[in-house]
């Protein structure tokens, strides 16, 4: 069993001086200021519950905010920094490489779409995609969201975690990275470092679309957020996610509109304008094509 370790400014020095735990670990931290070097020997998940944690990993800068987590593998190194007037809370989970290798060997289907790519090599070497993710966008993230609420509520009671917990975490990480592996391989670049950089940019644009899909913004605006030309963003997005940014944005708007209409609190005109459509005619046409019925039918 693994016991949750709680890190505060009062006990931090003593914990850092203690012998390093060689196994799987779960730490819950509440710190305002903390700077530390990072040289990973295990897979590391750094999940922020409140505030912002800053990292420089393998030459890349990451600002991990509330509701996001940073995923690292044993080849990652750099530094982490917390500097805030109020306490930044987070959870750091370390998983042994041997456990990850065991899960990959057991679960990875040789007939899958990534069979021609050595998934264990991808996870265990510098090919790994070290990156921050939103908890709402991944299998692992949704598990972390439940874990975060539980740990924040029960941290002082003495929580322990068994092997099944770490196996389940690893399974969810593997589910996410099977898709990420395919996304990386779809990016047309010779160097893996270039593939990673371009995928990070596309993900930044996609995150902006998730945040602002109801705003009166164009694909060009999201491409600028990604630091790419509109065509380059369009091309890379389609390669990585098997849909165009236009289709992705339209789907998000229509699903949101469908939920709004079902609530019964808005008119069709109000929903059309609130979901970024230029007029009620274009909205109704797109809605009927997607759902097979005009939006007005949801109000009767």
Foldseek 3Di string as FASTA:
>chain_A
DEWEAEAEPVCPVVVVPDDDDPAKYKYKYWYAWDKDWDQAQFKKKKAWQAAWKWWQKPNDIDIHHHQKIWIDGNRIIGMIIHHHPGITIIMMITHHLVLLVVLCVVPPDCPDPCNVPDVNCCRHDPLDQTDMDGLVPFQLSVVVVVVVVVCVVCVVVIDGDDPVVVNVSSVRVVVVVVLVVQLLVLDPDDDSVVSSLLVVLLVQLVVVCVVQLQPQDDLQVSNVSSVHGSVSSQVSNCSSPVDGPVVVSLVVLLVVLLVVLLVLPDDLQVSCNRRNHPGSVVVQVSNCVVPVDGSVVSND
